[in-house]
């Protein structure tokens, strides 16, 4: 199997960053020139996109374990997404307050076992702003 086909195999299960694909292909012993060609073809065919990866990662992370803007950007950069792309995707999501419903659900879940002050501390440590935490709590209270 050539590097392109192997990369397609990896991408068939989930989105990957360019860095992840390159690392996996290197680990399988493919030569750098073949890896570069494969990545270029995948990018041109729009099978490989760090922007799309960032969006999928952002929504998945917010659904499962919401975190603040800075931490999400940092995690995406660690995965190989360019900082400008990560900042734009995450920043846009937070600007539109798309994070508030996810934060609200997480707060509601945690409130079952912890007092509200402890809940606030948890989400402050996860990088959320005080005003966002208070807004999510306010939205929850007004929904009752």
C-alpha atoms as a PDB file:
ATOM      1  CA  UNK A   1       0.000   0.000   0.000  1.00  0.00           C
ATOM      2  CA  UNK A   2       1.414   3.399  -0.921  1.00  0.00           C
ATOM      3  CA  UNK A   3       1.471   6.428   1.398  1.00  0.00           C
ATOM      4  CA  UNK A   4      -1.554   8.050  -0.251  1.00  0.00           C
ATOM      5  CA  UNK A   5      -3.724   4.945   0.195  1.00  0.00           C
ATOM      6  CA  UNK A   6      -2.540   4.497   3.778  1.00  0.00           C
ATOM      7  CA  UNK A   7      -3.388   8.133   4.552  1.00  0.00           C
ATOM      8  CA  UNK A   8      -6.838   7.669   2.984  1.00  0.00           C
ATOM      9  CA  UNK A   9      -7.298   4.666   5.241  1.00  0.00           C
ATOM     10  CA  UNK A  10      -6.501   6.804   8.295  1.00  0.00           C
ATOM     11  CA  UNK A  11      -8.824   9.572   7.121  1.00  0.00           C
ATOM     12  CA  UNK A  12     -11.669   7.119   6.535  1.00  0.00           C
ATOM     13  CA  UNK A  13     -12.144   6.698  10.279  1.00  0.00           C
ATOM     14  CA  UNK A  14     -11.843  10.348  11.409  1.00  0.00           C
ATOM     15  CA  UNK A  15     -10.359  13.748  10.584  1.00  0.00           C
ATOM     16  CA  UNK A  16      -6.618  14.108  11.120  1.00  0.00           C
ATOM     17  CA  UNK A  17      -4.263  17.046  11.003  1.00  0.00           C
ATOM     18  CA  UNK A  18      -1.513  17.191   8.433  1.00  0.00           C
ATOM     19  CA  UNK A  19       0.982  16.687  11.246  1.00  0.00           C
ATOM     20  CA  UNK A  20      -0.803  13.538  12.458  1.00  0.00           C
ATOM     21  CA  UNK A  21      -0.890  12.029   8.968  1.00  0.00           C
ATOM     22  CA  UNK A  22       2.790  12.781   8.388  1.00  0.00           C
ATOM     23  CA  UNK A  23       3.724  11.285  11.769  1.00  0.00           C
ATOM     24  CA  UNK A  24       1.725   8.108  11.124  1.00  0.00           C
ATOM     25  CA  UNK A  25       3.182   7.665   7.640  1.00  0.00           C
ATOM     26  CA  UNK A  26       6.737   8.231   8.925  1.00  0.00           C
ATOM     27  CA  UNK A  27       6.064   5.624  11.583  1.00  0.00           C
ATOM     28  CA  UNK A  28       5.169   3.159   8.825  1.00  0.00           C
ATOM     29  CA  UNK A  29       8.484   3.849   7.098  1.00  0.00           C
ATOM     30  CA  UNK A  30       7.331   5.750   4.020  1.00  0.00           C
ATOM     31  CA  UNK A  31       9.948   8.032   2.435  1.00  0.00           C
ATOM     32  CA  UNK A  32       9.566  11.797   2.963  1.00  0.00           C
ATOM     33  CA  UNK A  33       9.035  12.489  -0.745  1.00  0.00           C
ATOM     34  CA  UNK A  34       6.133  10.016  -0.922  1.00  0.00           C
ATOM     35  CA  UNK A  35       4.642  11.470   2.276  1.00  0.00           C
ATOM     36  CA  UNK A  36       4.878  15.012   0.880  1.00  0.00           C
ATOM     37  CA  UNK A  37       3.208  13.932  -2.392  1.00  0.00           C
ATOM     38  CA  UNK A  38       0.438  12.102  -0.554  1.00  0.00           C
ATOM     39  CA  UNK A  39      -0.271  15.046   1.765  1.00  0.00           C
ATOM     40  CA  UNK A  40      -0.298  17.449  -1.172  1.00  0.00           C
ATOM     41  CA  UNK A  41      -2.783  15.289  -3.114  1.00  0.00           C
ATOM     42  CA  UNK A  42      -4.997  14.863  -0.057  1.00  0.00           C
ATOM     43  CA  UNK A  43      -5.015  18.611   0.558  1.00  0.00           C
ATOM     44  CA  UNK A  44      -5.796  19.356  -3.107  1.00  0.00           C
ATOM     45  CA  UNK A  45      -8.698  16.883  -3.063  1.00  0.00           C
ATOM     46  CA  UNK A  46      -9.945  18.451   0.208  1.00  0.00           C
ATOM     47  CA  UNK A  47      -9.617  15.135   2.043  1.00  0.00           C
ATOM     48  CA  UNK A  48      -7.162  16.683   4.477  1.00  0.00           C
ATOM     49  CA  UNK A  49      -7.977  20.007   6.125  1.00  0.00           C
ATOM     50  CA  UNK A  50      -6.610  21.400   9.369  1.00  0.00           C
ATOM     51  CA  UNK A  51      -9.516  23.881   9.433  1.00  0.00           C
ATOM     52  CA  UNK A  52     -12.093  21.110   9.225  1.00  0.00           C
ATOM     53  CA  UNK A  53     -10.162  19.132  11.839  1.00  0.00           C
ATOM     54  CA  UNK A  54     -10.222  22.172  14.150  1.00  0.00           C
ATOM     55  CA  UNK A  55     -13.994  22.568  13.773  1.00  0.00           C
ATOM     56  CA  UNK A  56     -14.703  18.887  14.402  1.00  0.00           C
ATOM     57  CA  UNK A  57     -12.323  18.823  17.365  1.00  0.00           C
ATOM     58  CA  UNK A  58     -13.853  21.992  18.833  1.00  0.00           C
ATOM     59  CA  UNK A  59     -17.426  20.685  18.769  1.00  0.00           C
ATOM     60  CA  UNK A  60     -16.403  17.264  20.033  1.00  0.00           C
ATOM     61  CA  UNK A  61     -14.421  18.750  22.900  1.00  0.00           C
ATOM     62  CA  UNK A  62     -17.193  21.165  23.860  1.00  0.00           C
ATOM     63  CA  UNK A  63     -19.735  18.342  23.878  1.00  0.00           C
ATOM     64  CA  UNK A  64     -17.643  15.977  25.987  1.00  0.00           C
ATOM     65  CA  UNK A  65     -15.384  18.139  28.140  1.00  0.00           C
ATOM     66  CA  UNK A  66     -15.850  21.890  27.567  1.00  0.00           C
ATOM     67  CA  UNK A  67     -12.827  24.120  28.000  1.00  0.00           C
ATOM     68  CA  UNK A  68     -12.052  27.792  27.608  1.00  0.00           C
ATOM     69  CA  UNK A  69     -10.824  29.503  24.477  1.00  0.00           C
ATOM     70  CA  UNK A  70      -7.117  29.587  25.362  1.00  0.00           C
ATOM     71  CA  UNK A  71      -6.957  25.894  26.305  1.00  0.00           C
ATOM     72  CA  UNK A  72      -8.739  24.830  23.120  1.00  0.00           C
ATOM     73  CA  UNK A  73      -6.381  26.864  20.940  1.00  0.00           C
ATOM     74  CA  UNK A  74      -3.411  25.408  22.801  1.00  0.00           C
ATOM     75  CA  UNK A  75      -4.678  21.830  22.332  1.00  0.00           C
ATOM     76  CA  UNK A  76      -5.230  22.373  18.607  1.00  0.00           C
ATOM     77  CA  UNK A  77      -1.736  23.806  18.203  1.00  0.00           C
ATOM     78  CA  UNK A  78      -0.343  20.748  20.006  1.00  0.00           C
ATOM     79  CA  UNK A  79      -2.171  18.570  17.467  1.00  0.00           C
ATOM     80  CA  UNK A  80      -0.479  20.429  14.630  1.00  0.00           C
ATOM     81  CA  UNK A  81      -3.058  23.034  13.639  1.00  0.00           C
ATOM     82  CA  UNK A  82      -1.504  26.400  12.797  1.00  0.00           C
ATOM     83  CA  UNK A  83      -2.101  28.887  15.633  1.00  0.00           C
ATOM     84  CA  UNK A  84      -3.783  31.418  13.338  1.00  0.00           C
ATOM     85  CA  UNK A  85      -6.274  28.792  12.121  1.00  0.00           C
ATOM     86  CA  UNK A  86      -6.940  27.527  15.660  1.00  0.00           C
ATOM     87  CA  UNK A  87      -7.414  31.068  16.988  1.00  0.00           C
ATOM     88  CA  UNK A  88      -9.792  31.998  14.159  1.00  0.00           C
ATOM     89  CA  UNK A  89     -11.978  28.877  14.498  1.00  0.00           C
ATOM     90  CA  UNK A  90     -12.123  28.905  18.305  1.00  0.00           C
ATOM     91  CA  UNK A  91     -12.352  32.697  18.532  1.00  0.00           C
ATOM     92  CA  UNK A  92     -15.305  32.796  16.137  1.00  0.00           C
ATOM     93  CA  UNK A  93     -17.111  30.110  18.108  1.00  0.00           C
ATOM     94  CA  UNK A  94     -16.605  31.987  21.379  1.00  0.00           C
ATOM     95  CA  UNK A  95     -17.458  35.372  19.822  1.00  0.00           C
ATOM     96  CA  UNK A  96     -20.851  34.066  18.733  1.00  0.00           C
ATOM     97  CA  UNK A  97     -21.379  32.658  22.249  1.00  0.00           C
ATOM     98  CA  UNK A  98     -21.651  29.153  20.806  1.00  0.00           C
ATOM     99  CA  UNK A  99     -19.918  27.881  23.921  1.00  0.00           C
ATOM    100  CA  UNK A 100     -22.600  29.058  26.383  1.00  0.00           C
ATOM    101  CA  UNK A 101     -25.069  26.165  25.798  1.00  0.00           C
ATOM    102  CA  UNK A 102     -22.267  23.592  26.139  1.00  0.00           C
ATOM    103  CA  UNK A 103     -21.010  25.305  29.264  1.00  0.00           C
ATOM    104  CA  UNK A 104     -24.543  25.396  30.647  1.00  0.00           C
ATOM    105  CA  UNK A 105     -25.021  21.648  30.153  1.00  0.00           C
ATOM    106  CA  UNK A 106     -21.702  20.913  31.839  1.00  0.00           C
ATOM    107  CA  UNK A 107     -22.550  23.218  34.747  1.00  0.00           C
ATOM    108  CA  UNK A 108     -25.969  21.616  35.136  1.00  0.00           C
ATOM    109  CA  UNK A 109     -24.401  18.151  35.219  1.00  0.00           C
ATOM    110  CA  UNK A 110     -21.789  19.165  37.792  1.00  0.00           C
ATOM    111  CA  UNK A 111     -24.327  20.995  39.978  1.00  0.00           C
ATOM    112  CA  UNK A 112     -25.884  17.653  40.850  1.00  0.00           C
ATOM    113  CA  UNK A 113     -22.864  16.773  42.973  1.00  0.00           C
ATOM    114  CA  UNK A 114     -21.190  20.097  43.833  1.00  0.00           C
ATOM    115  CA  UNK A 115     -22.145  23.470  45.246  1.00  0.00           C
ATOM    116  CA  UNK A 116     -22.319  26.350  42.780  1.00  0.00           C
ATOM    117  CA  UNK A 117     -19.116  27.989  44.083  1.00  0.00           C
ATOM    118  CA  UNK A 118     -17.189  24.743  43.484  1.00  0.00           C
ATOM    119  CA  UNK A 119     -18.749  24.437  40.036  1.00  0.00           C
ATOM    120  CA  UNK A 120     -17.595  27.956  39.180  1.00  0.00           C
ATOM    121  CA  UNK A 121     -14.059  27.100  40.349  1.00  0.00           C
ATOM    122  CA  UNK A 122     -13.979  24.024  38.110  1.00  0.00           C
ATOM    123  CA  UNK A 123     -14.855  26.034  35.008  1.00  0.00           C
ATOM    124  CA  UNK A 124     -12.517  28.890  35.904  1.00  0.00           C
ATOM    125  CA  UNK A 125      -9.695  26.326  35.999  1.00  0.00           C
ATOM    126  CA  UNK A 126     -10.826  25.094  32.589  1.00  0.00           C
ATOM    127  CA  UNK A 127     -10.224  28.567  31.213  1.00  0.00           C
ATOM    128  CA  UNK A 128     -13.728  30.020  31.035  1.00  0.00           C
ATOM    129  CA  UNK A 129     -14.318  33.685  31.807  1.00  0.00           C
ATOM    130  CA  UNK A 130     -16.333  34.604  34.899  1.00  0.00           C
ATOM    131  CA  UNK A 131     -18.928  36.458  32.818  1.00  0.00           C
ATOM    132  CA  UNK A 132     -19.437  33.382  30.590  1.00  0.00           C
ATOM    133  CA  UNK A 133     -19.910  31.114  33.598  1.00  0.00           C
ATOM    134  CA  UNK A 134     -22.379  33.565  35.146  1.00  0.00           C
ATOM    135  CA  UNK A 135     -24.264  33.897  31.841  1.00  0.00           C
ATOM    136  CA  UNK A 136     -24.569  30.120  31.501  1.00  0.00           C
ATOM    137  CA  UNK A 137     -25.844  29.862  35.089  1.00  0.00           C
ATOM    138  CA  UNK A 138     -28.283  32.720  34.495  1.00  0.00           C
ATOM    139  CA  UNK A 139     -29.561  31.055  31.311  1.00  0.00           C
ATOM    140  CA  UNK A 140     -30.065  27.801  33.231  1.00  0.00           C
ATOM    141  CA  UNK A 141     -31.991  29.570  36.010  1.00  0.00           C
ATOM    142  CA  UNK A 142     -34.235  31.428  33.554  1.00  0.00           C
ATOM    143  CA  UNK A 143     -35.010  28.142  31.771  1.00  0.00           C
ATOM    144  CA  UNK A 144     -36.460  26.695  34.971  1.00  0.00           C
END
